[in-house]
Amino acid sequence: MSDHFDAIVDSVKGALAASPAPTCVEISFDPRGWSELDQLGFTNLALPAALGGSDGNLKDAATACKAGVAAAFPLIESNFLAVPALTAAGVPWPGGVVTAATTATLISVTPQGTLSGRVTRIPWLRNSDYVVLIFIGDKGPQLAVIDPRVGGASIEPGTNIAGEPRDTLELSEVRPATLRDLPPEWDGLGMQYGAAGRAVQIAAAGAAVLESAARHTSERNQFGRPLVKFQTVQHQLAQLTGDVVTIATGSEAAVLALCERSPQAELLVASAKAESSILTRRITAVGHQLHGAMGFTTEHKLGAYTTRMWSWREEFGSEMFWQNRIADLVALQDDDVWGLLSDHTLAVGTELNA
């Protein structure tokens, strides 16, 4: 990692050092942590300065999001969904706590510019000042910046299995703060950004599981020696390490492709999200095995990461969704799998070696 990315990691971890420890029992919004990162420019890293952002790129944003993987606020949603959409539409940063969502359900737009519809499972909506909503309207892809407490809007609270807020937004003739058309390619592009963001989160949480397992097995003694000295434990750690590296590499490749607007971006995102969703099962299972009974207690932080991974693997497309999409991309390539893969390999290899 370069000094630039090291500085981002150190800054994010420093800003969140006083935040509550991650838990799988009760997750409360961390306003102090959001405020700290917002003041440092980490909530909109890839947004152009002309639009009120930090003028970075998606690789910077991914680095910050990995460092703040356990943060109790919508850091991924703001950086990986709101920022790219606002940039594409030329809309300034609305300020405050910003979450984002993309929906395939019908959102009706009147000639007067009011919105009606229902959007489910919006992360941290109840704690947000604005939600950046990406939807398909009569004119194609559109973006709306909405105050969820404006007249005609209502919030129905919900949570995922990790206890993170996943709320429903009801819109009835709501006038958004901003309503803007998006470029045609945003028909599906929001899903790609969201999936890449979740792959980044899963990779970071998997790394935390590995770090915790390595520490526990080196400190915990059984039969007079550390657990890590047992061959079975070593094999499990090796498997866990390989799986974590696999999803980390896939997520990094997806971010690079989106950052560079590569023609292979959708393939890389699909591969990263499918693989991270598949390997979540094995990473969490091995992680809990290596921690023994301690890892299943609500007091241990391991569950804060594994329950999040279980939830994130289903969001922005499950492994089946993205595996089917990979099959579609192969079919569009006239079943030339090698041509599809070789182009992708060259593009990623060039960037990674740069």
Protein backbone atom coordinates (compact mmCIF):
# COMPACT_ATOMS: atom_id res chain seq x y z
CA MET A 1 0.00 0.00 0.00
CA SER A 2 1.32 3.47 -0.88
CA ASP A 3 1.87 6.29 1.60
CA HIS A 4 -1.23 7.97 0.18
CA PHE A 5 -3.50 5.04 1.02
CA ASP A 6 -1.74 4.49 4.36
CA ALA A 7 -2.56 8.09 5.27
CA ILE A 8 -6.24 7.52 4.43
CA VAL A 9 -6.36 4.37 6.59
CA ASP A 10 -4.65 6.10 9.51
CA SER A 11 -6.94 9.11 9.28
CA VAL A 12 -10.15 7.05 9.16
CA LYS A 13 -9.07 4.78 12.02
CA GLY A 14 -8.01 7.79 14.05
CA ALA A 15 -11.35 9.52 13.49
CA LEU A 16 -13.25 6.39 14.54
CA ALA A 17 -11.00 5.47 17.48
CA ALA A 18 -13.50 6.89 19.98
CA SER A 19 -16.51 5.23 18.32
CA PRO A 20 -18.31 2.38 20.10
CA ALA A 21 -16.85 -1.09 19.54
CA PRO A 22 -18.66 -3.13 16.87
CA THR A 23 -21.40 -5.39 18.13
CA CYS A 24 -23.97 -7.83 16.79
CA VAL A 25 -26.52 -7.09 19.52
CA GLU A 26 -27.49 -3.45 19.09
CA ILE A 27 -26.15 -1.08 16.47
CA SER A 28 -26.71 2.60 17.20
CA PHE A 29 -25.97 5.38 14.74
CA ASP A 30 -22.61 7.05 15.41
CA PRO A 31 -23.15 10.79 14.77
CA ARG A 32 -19.75 11.75 16.17
CA GLY A 33 -17.97 9.34 13.83
CA TRP A 34 -19.89 10.58 10.78
CA SER A 35 -19.18 14.20 11.71
CA GLU A 36 -15.46 13.50 12.09
CA LEU A 37 -15.20 11.76 8.71
CA ASP A 38 -17.42 14.36 7.04
CA GLN A 39 -15.18 17.18 8.21
CA LEU A 40 -12.15 15.29 6.90
CA GLY A 41 -13.83 14.78 3.51
CA PHE A 42 -14.15 10.99 3.74
CA THR A 43 -17.91 10.85 3.21
CA ASN A 44 -17.65 12.05 -0.41
CA LEU A 45 -14.08 11.29 -1.38
CA ALA A 46 -14.63 10.77 -5.12
CA LEU A 47 -16.95 13.75 -5.65
CA PRO A 48 -15.41 16.62 -7.67
CA ALA A 49 -14.46 19.66 -5.64
CA ALA A 50 -16.73 21.78 -7.85
CA LEU A 51 -19.69 19.80 -6.46
CA GLY A 52 -18.55 20.09 -2.85
CA GLY A 53 -16.51 16.88 -2.69
CA SER A 54 -12.94 15.91 -1.90
CA ASP A 55 -11.79 15.45 -5.52
CA GLY A 56 -10.43 11.92 -4.97
CA ASN A 57 -11.35 8.74 -6.80
CA LEU A 58 -13.13 5.46 -6.12
CA LYS A 59 -9.89 3.74 -5.04
CA ASP A 60 -9.49 6.38 -2.31
CA ALA A 61 -13.10 5.84 -1.29
CA ALA A 62 -12.67 2.06 -1.15
CA THR A 63 -9.61 2.46 1.08
CA ALA A 64 -11.54 4.68 3.48
CA CYS A 65 -14.54 2.36 3.52
CA LYS A 66 -12.40 -0.69 4.28
CA ALA A 67 -10.76 1.15 7.18
CA GLY A 68 -14.21 2.06 8.50
CA VAL A 69 -15.89 -1.27 7.77
CA ALA A 70 -17.57 -1.47 11.19
CA ALA A 71 -18.76 2.16 11.14
CA ALA A 72 -22.35 2.65 12.25
CA PHE A 73 -23.41 4.96 9.43
CA PRO A 74 -23.84 4.81 5.60
CA LEU A 75 -20.21 5.27 4.54
CA ILE A 76 -20.42 2.82 1.61
CA GLU A 77 -23.77 4.19 0.44
CA SER A 78 -22.49 7.75 0.39
CA ASN A 79 -19.19 6.95 -1.34
CA PHE A 80 -20.14 4.13 -3.69
CA LEU A 81 -23.69 5.08 -4.70
CA ALA A 82 -24.51 8.70 -3.87
CA VAL A 83 -21.20 10.18 -5.05
CA PRO A 84 -21.02 8.47 -8.50
CA ALA A 85 -24.67 9.31 -9.19
CA LEU A 86 -24.34 12.94 -8.07
CA THR A 87 -21.21 13.26 -10.19
CA ALA A 88 -22.94 11.83 -13.27
CA ALA A 89 -25.91 14.18 -12.82
CA GLY A 90 -23.80 17.22 -11.91
CA VAL A 91 -25.61 17.66 -8.59
CA PRO A 92 -23.79 19.20 -5.57
CA TRP A 93 -23.36 17.34 -2.29
CA PRO A 94 -26.52 17.97 -0.22
CA GLY A 95 -24.72 18.02 3.13
CA GLY A 96 -25.46 16.35 6.44
CA VAL A 97 -25.81 12.58 6.68
CA VAL A 98 -26.36 11.16 3.19
CA THR A 99 -27.47 7.64 2.32
CA ALA A 100 -28.42 6.25 -1.08
CA ALA A 101 -30.50 3.53 -2.71
CA THR A 102 -31.29 2.16 -6.12
CA THR A 103 -34.64 0.59 -6.85
CA ALA A 104 -36.28 -1.42 -9.60
CA THR A 105 -39.78 -0.74 -8.27
CA LEU A 106 -41.98 1.84 -9.95
CA ILE A 107 -41.49 5.44 -8.88
CA SER A 108 -44.05 7.67 -10.57
CA VAL A 109 -43.07 11.22 -11.49
CA THR A 110 -45.79 13.79 -12.12
CA PRO A 111 -45.40 16.65 -14.61
CA GLN A 112 -44.98 18.90 -11.56
CA GLY A 113 -41.93 16.88 -10.48
CA THR A 114 -43.39 15.13 -7.44
CA LEU A 115 -42.65 11.48 -6.66
CA SER A 116 -44.78 8.60 -5.43
CA GLY A 117 -43.72 5.03 -4.69
CA ARG A 118 -42.16 2.72 -2.14
CA VAL A 119 -38.45 1.96 -1.69
CA THR A 120 -37.42 -0.81 0.69
CA ARG A 121 -34.28 -1.66 2.66
CA ILE A 122 -32.57 1.74 2.56
CA PRO A 123 -29.51 1.67 4.87
CA TRP A 124 -29.58 4.13 7.78
CA LEU A 125 -32.51 6.09 6.34
CA ARG A 126 -33.91 6.98 9.77
CA ASN A 127 -30.62 8.69 10.66
CA SER A 128 -30.06 10.46 7.33
CA ASP A 129 -30.74 14.04 6.32
CA TYR A 130 -30.98 13.09 2.63
CA VAL A 131 -31.31 9.97 0.53
CA VAL A 132 -29.99 9.92 -3.03
CA LEU A 133 -32.47 7.74 -4.91
CA ILE A 134 -31.59 6.19 -8.28
CA PHE A 135 -34.57 4.89 -10.23
CA ILE A 136 -35.90 4.34 -13.74
CA GLY A 137 -38.51 6.91 -14.70
CA ASP A 138 -40.44 7.63 -17.88
CA LYS A 139 -37.37 9.37 -19.30
CA GLY A 140 -34.93 6.63 -18.29
CA PRO A 141 -32.54 6.68 -15.33
CA GLN A 142 -33.18 9.51 -12.89
CA LEU A 143 -31.75 10.79 -9.63
CA ALA A 144 -33.71 12.37 -6.81
CA VAL A 145 -32.28 13.90 -3.65
CA ILE A 146 -34.98 13.56 -1.01
CA ASP A 147 -35.39 14.77 2.55
CA PRO A 148 -37.06 11.70 4.11
CA ARG A 149 -38.95 13.92 6.56
CA VAL A 150 -40.49 16.25 3.99
CA GLY A 151 -44.28 16.35 3.57
CA GLY A 152 -45.64 13.22 1.91
CA ALA A 153 -42.69 11.03 2.96
CA SER A 154 -42.73 8.47 5.75
CA ILE A 155 -40.20 6.01 7.16
CA GLU A 156 -40.98 2.44 8.16
CA PRO A 157 -38.11 1.12 10.32
CA GLY A 158 -36.50 -2.24 9.59
CA THR A 159 -33.20 -4.03 10.18
CA ASN A 160 -31.01 -6.66 8.57
CA ILE A 161 -29.84 -9.76 10.43
CA ALA A 162 -26.84 -7.84 11.77
CA GLY A 163 -29.09 -5.21 13.35
CA GLU A 164 -28.19 -2.47 10.85
CA PRO A 165 -31.10 -0.22 9.84
CA ARG A 166 -32.76 -1.16 6.55
CA ASP A 167 -35.76 1.15 6.36
CA THR A 168 -38.64 1.57 3.93
CA LEU A 169 -39.41 4.98 2.40
CA GLU A 170 -43.00 5.71 1.40
CA LEU A 171 -43.45 8.58 -1.06
CA SER A 172 -46.78 10.24 -1.75
CA GLU A 173 -46.56 13.26 -4.02
CA VAL A 174 -43.20 14.18 -2.49
CA ARG A 175 -41.28 17.10 -3.93
CA PRO A 176 -37.56 16.20 -3.95
CA ALA A 177 -34.83 18.70 -3.17
CA THR A 178 -33.37 17.81 -6.59
CA LEU A 179 -34.65 15.79 -9.52
CA ARG A 180 -32.28 15.21 -12.41
CA ASP A 181 -31.88 12.87 -15.39
CA LEU A 182 -28.95 10.45 -15.38
CA PRO A 183 -27.02 9.27 -18.46
CA PRO A 184 -28.58 6.22 -20.19
CA GLU A 185 -25.83 3.87 -18.94
CA TRP A 186 -27.14 4.34 -15.41
CA ASP A 187 -29.85 1.81 -16.23
CA GLY A 188 -28.13 -0.89 -14.15
CA LEU A 189 -24.96 1.02 -13.30
CA GLY A 190 -26.21 1.87 -9.82
CA MET A 191 -26.50 -1.85 -9.10
CA GLN A 192 -22.87 -2.31 -10.17
CA TYR A 193 -21.60 0.43 -7.87
CA GLY A 194 -23.63 -0.93 -4.99
CA ALA A 195 -22.41 -4.49 -5.58
CA ALA A 196 -18.79 -3.32 -5.73
CA GLY A 197 -19.29 -1.46 -2.46
CA ARG A 198 -20.69 -4.53 -0.75
CA ALA A 199 -17.80 -6.64 -2.10
CA VAL A 200 -15.38 -4.12 -0.57
CA GLN A 201 -17.20 -4.36 2.76
CA ILE A 202 -17.25 -8.16 2.74
CA ALA A 203 -13.52 -8.24 1.94
CA ALA A 204 -12.73 -5.87 4.81
CA ALA A 205 -14.93 -7.78 7.26
CA GLY A 206 -13.33 -11.05 6.13
CA ALA A 207 -9.90 -9.56 6.83
CA ALA A 208 -11.10 -8.64 10.33
CA VAL A 209 -12.30 -12.22 10.88
CA LEU A 210 -8.89 -13.54 9.78
CA GLU A 211 -7.01 -11.09 12.02
CA SER A 212 -9.13 -12.05 15.01
CA ALA A 213 -8.73 -15.79 14.31
CA ALA A 214 -4.96 -15.50 13.94
CA ARG A 215 -4.69 -13.58 17.20
CA HIS A 216 -6.99 -15.94 19.11
CA THR A 217 -5.24 -19.12 17.97
CA SER A 218 -1.82 -17.73 18.81
CA GLU A 219 -2.87 -16.59 22.30
CA ARG A 220 -5.15 -19.47 23.29
CA ASN A 221 -3.41 -22.55 24.73
CA GLN A 222 -4.67 -26.11 24.66
CA PHE A 223 -2.81 -29.17 25.98
CA GLY A 224 0.13 -26.96 26.90
CA ARG A 225 0.68 -25.22 23.58
CA PRO A 226 -0.94 -22.50 21.43
CA LEU A 227 -3.80 -23.61 19.19
CA VAL A 228 -1.88 -22.38 16.15
CA LYS A 229 0.67 -25.15 16.68
CA PHE A 230 -1.94 -27.81 15.81
CA GLN A 231 -1.87 -28.91 12.17
CA THR A 232 -5.65 -28.83 11.75
CA VAL A 233 -5.74 -25.23 12.96
CA GLN A 234 -2.92 -24.32 10.59
CA HIS A 235 -4.84 -25.82 7.68
CA GLN A 236 -7.97 -23.87 8.63
CA LEU A 237 -5.99 -20.63 8.90
CA ALA A 238 -4.41 -21.28 5.51
CA GLN A 239 -7.83 -21.85 3.94
CA LEU A 240 -9.21 -18.75 5.63
CA THR A 241 -6.27 -16.68 4.41
CA GLY A 242 -6.72 -17.89 0.84
CA ASP A 243 -10.44 -17.08 0.85
CA VAL A 244 -9.88 -13.60 2.29
CA VAL A 245 -7.18 -12.82 -0.28
CA THR A 246 -9.46 -14.06 -3.06
CA ILE A 247 -12.32 -11.71 -2.23
CA ALA A 248 -9.93 -8.83 -1.50
CA THR A 249 -8.34 -9.21 -4.95
CA GLY A 250 -11.72 -9.46 -6.64
CA SER A 251 -13.09 -6.37 -4.92
CA GLU A 252 -9.97 -4.36 -5.74
CA ALA A 253 -10.20 -5.36 -9.40
CA ALA A 254 -13.88 -4.32 -9.50
CA VAL A 255 -13.09 -0.93 -7.97
CA LEU A 256 -10.22 -0.36 -10.43
CA ALA A 257 -12.44 -1.23 -13.37
CA LEU A 258 -15.20 1.16 -12.25
CA CYS A 259 -12.64 3.86 -11.51
CA GLU A 260 -11.13 3.54 -14.99
CA ARG A 261 -14.52 2.96 -16.67
CA SER A 262 -13.21 -0.26 -18.16
CA PRO A 263 -15.36 -2.12 -20.72
CA GLN A 264 -14.94 -5.17 -18.46
CA ALA A 265 -16.25 -3.37 -15.36
CA GLU A 266 -19.53 -5.25 -15.17
CA LEU A 267 -17.77 -8.62 -15.50
CA LEU A 268 -15.33 -7.73 -12.74
CA VAL A 269 -18.07 -6.44 -10.46
CA ALA A 270 -20.16 -9.55 -11.11
CA SER A 271 -17.20 -11.80 -10.36
CA ALA A 272 -16.27 -9.90 -7.19
CA LYS A 273 -19.79 -9.86 -5.76
CA ALA A 274 -20.53 -13.49 -6.67
CA GLU A 275 -17.25 -14.74 -5.20
CA SER A 276 -17.48 -12.66 -2.04
CA SER A 277 -21.05 -13.85 -1.45
CA ILE A 278 -20.08 -17.49 -1.99
CA LEU A 279 -16.97 -17.37 0.21
CA THR A 280 -18.79 -15.55 3.01
CA ARG A 281 -20.25 -18.89 4.10
CA ARG A 282 -16.84 -20.55 4.43
CA ILE A 283 -15.03 -17.56 5.93
CA THR A 284 -17.63 -17.10 8.66
CA ALA A 285 -17.88 -20.83 9.38
CA VAL A 286 -14.11 -21.28 9.72
CA GLY A 287 -13.80 -18.05 11.68
CA HIS A 288 -16.30 -19.24 14.27
CA GLN A 289 -14.72 -22.71 14.40
CA LEU A 290 -11.31 -21.25 15.16
CA HIS A 291 -12.73 -19.10 17.96
CA GLY A 292 -14.62 -22.02 19.51
CA ALA A 293 -17.52 -21.29 21.86
CA MET A 294 -16.13 -17.81 22.57
CA GLY A 295 -16.85 -16.77 18.98
CA PHE A 296 -20.56 -17.44 19.37
CA THR A 297 -21.06 -15.12 22.34
CA THR A 298 -22.75 -11.78 21.75
CA GLU A 299 -19.97 -10.04 23.66
CA HIS A 300 -17.27 -11.06 21.18
CA LYS A 301 -16.73 -8.72 18.24
CA LEU A 302 -16.45 -11.64 15.79
CA GLY A 303 -20.23 -11.77 15.43
CA ALA A 304 -20.33 -8.10 14.50
CA TYR A 305 -18.40 -8.92 11.34
CA THR A 306 -19.90 -12.31 10.46
CA THR A 307 -23.53 -11.22 10.79
CA ARG A 308 -22.82 -8.20 8.61
CA MET A 309 -21.20 -10.44 6.00
CA TRP A 310 -24.26 -12.72 6.00
CA SER A 311 -26.49 -9.74 5.34
CA TRP A 312 -24.26 -7.96 2.81
CA ARG A 313 -23.91 -11.10 0.66
CA GLU A 314 -27.60 -10.80 -0.28
CA GLU A 315 -27.65 -7.04 -0.96
CA PHE A 316 -27.17 -5.56 -4.44
CA GLY A 317 -27.56 -9.03 -5.92
CA SER A 318 -26.86 -12.48 -4.50
CA GLU A 319 -24.27 -14.85 -5.95
CA MET A 320 -26.97 -16.43 -8.14
CA PHE A 321 -27.94 -13.03 -9.56
CA TRP A 322 -24.37 -12.17 -10.53
CA GLN A 323 -23.53 -15.66 -11.75
CA ASN A 324 -26.48 -15.41 -14.13
CA ARG A 325 -25.23 -12.02 -15.23
CA ILE A 326 -21.78 -13.49 -15.98
CA ALA A 327 -23.50 -16.14 -18.12
CA ASP A 328 -25.35 -13.36 -19.98
CA LEU A 329 -22.07 -11.53 -20.63
CA VAL A 330 -20.53 -14.72 -21.99
CA ALA A 331 -23.54 -15.21 -24.28
CA LEU A 332 -23.22 -11.64 -25.54
CA GLN A 333 -19.59 -12.47 -26.37
CA ASP A 334 -20.84 -15.29 -28.64
CA ASP A 335 -19.71 -17.80 -25.99
CA ASP A 336 -16.09 -16.70 -26.44
CA VAL A 337 -15.16 -17.19 -22.78
CA TRP A 338 -11.43 -16.92 -23.45
CA GLY A 339 -11.83 -13.63 -25.31
CA LEU A 340 -13.89 -12.22 -22.46
CA LEU A 341 -11.42 -13.37 -19.82
CA SER A 342 -8.24 -12.47 -21.67
CA ASP A 343 -9.38 -8.90 -22.29
CA HIS A 344 -10.32 -8.63 -18.63
CA THR A 345 -7.01 -10.10 -17.48
CA LEU A 346 -4.96 -7.69 -19.58
CA ALA A 347 -6.93 -4.67 -18.37
CA VAL A 348 -6.62 -5.54 -14.71
CA GLY A 349 -3.03 -6.74 -14.93
CA THR A 350 -1.93 -3.51 -16.56
CA GLU A 351 -3.53 -1.40 -13.84
CA LEU A 352 -2.32 -3.53 -10.94
CA ASN A 353 1.25 -3.43 -12.25
CA ALA A 354 1.18 0.32 -12.82
